[in-house]
Amino acid sequence: MSSVRVECVAREGCRLGESPVWDEKAGALLFVDITGRKVCRWSPDTRQAQAVPVDTPVSSVALRKSGDYVITLGTRFAALKWKEELVTTIIQVDKDKANTRFNDGKVDPAGRYFAGTMAEEIRPAVLERRQGSLYTLFPDLSVVKHFDQVDISNGLDWSLDHRTFFYIDSLSYSVDAFDYDLQTGKIGNRRSIYKLEKEESIPDGMCIDTEGKLWVACYDGGRVIRLDPETGKRLQTVKLPVDKTTSCCFGGKDYSEMYVTSASDGMDKEWLSRQPQAGGIFKITGLGVKGIPPYAFAG
């Protein structure tokens, strides 16, 4: 795979870049800076990013069928009108917990918005354990909680036949699979399909390609890895010039480009001087596989 190329396309200096999503209509990459409290949209044509500031840590962004976006903000599911820079709360979760926030989220093939919570971090990846839960926002704007006792709710995606839900709780160092019922959105029969090796560090965001293989960004591992969920084998590793790689998605005109977000929080001056692109957005080309378009929230 010598044709693989990694390029920093946006030197955004995100404190905690996350949740990359390709917006085909806008021909742009959406992402968030969680601790920087902004939702961003980067255009490959202008090579510029626009940002909408928000008042609370914003951890994921997703497309909405009716237009504009939905986001997870603090412990709220919310709607974002881009042009007006207007955020409207849909519903709040974790009302019994003062110290949690949403983390990663993604829309399923039926238009439901899945997102999980975690305790507020003391410093990167250091936090009170088992404070998080996994939720779904349904198109009728009701919320279901699937389970709790989560450390850092993170990457999620669905198999191509929609029968399996893939999920990462980062501090388990595992990529897990559940049986998935597309009609109801119910999940069950949890099992681990891949345990990360020491140098891969912490599993973070995740996406799937058209061959049904998973790509996982490794936080503090400076890489994305490609996994076969059937065999549990790692198929490929792509290293990046920054340690804190956080999430990945496919995008571009034919979904053949991979975009990877990164973070700079928790890095001292010396570390940042060695990795000046930390917090940037990276594009990987030449992977020889494509991704699938993101689903839009149906509510």
Foldseek 3Di string as FASTA:
>chain_A
DVPKDKDFLFLPQQQFKDAWAQDVVVCWIWIFRQVQQWIWTAHPVVSDIDIQHDDAGWAYWFFAPVGAIWTFGFQFTWGADPVVSDIGTLDGPPPVDPFKGKHDWAAAPLQKIKTKMAGDAPFVPHGDFFAMWIWIQALVRDMDTQDTRAHHWAAWYAFPVRQKIWTDRFVVQFIKIWGADPVPRHTHDIDTLEHDDVLLATWHYWAAFPVRWIWTRRAQNQWIWIADSVNSDTDDIDGHQARGWHYWAFDDPQQQKIKIAFHDTPPDPVNCVSVVSGRTIMIIHDPPTGHDHGDHRHD
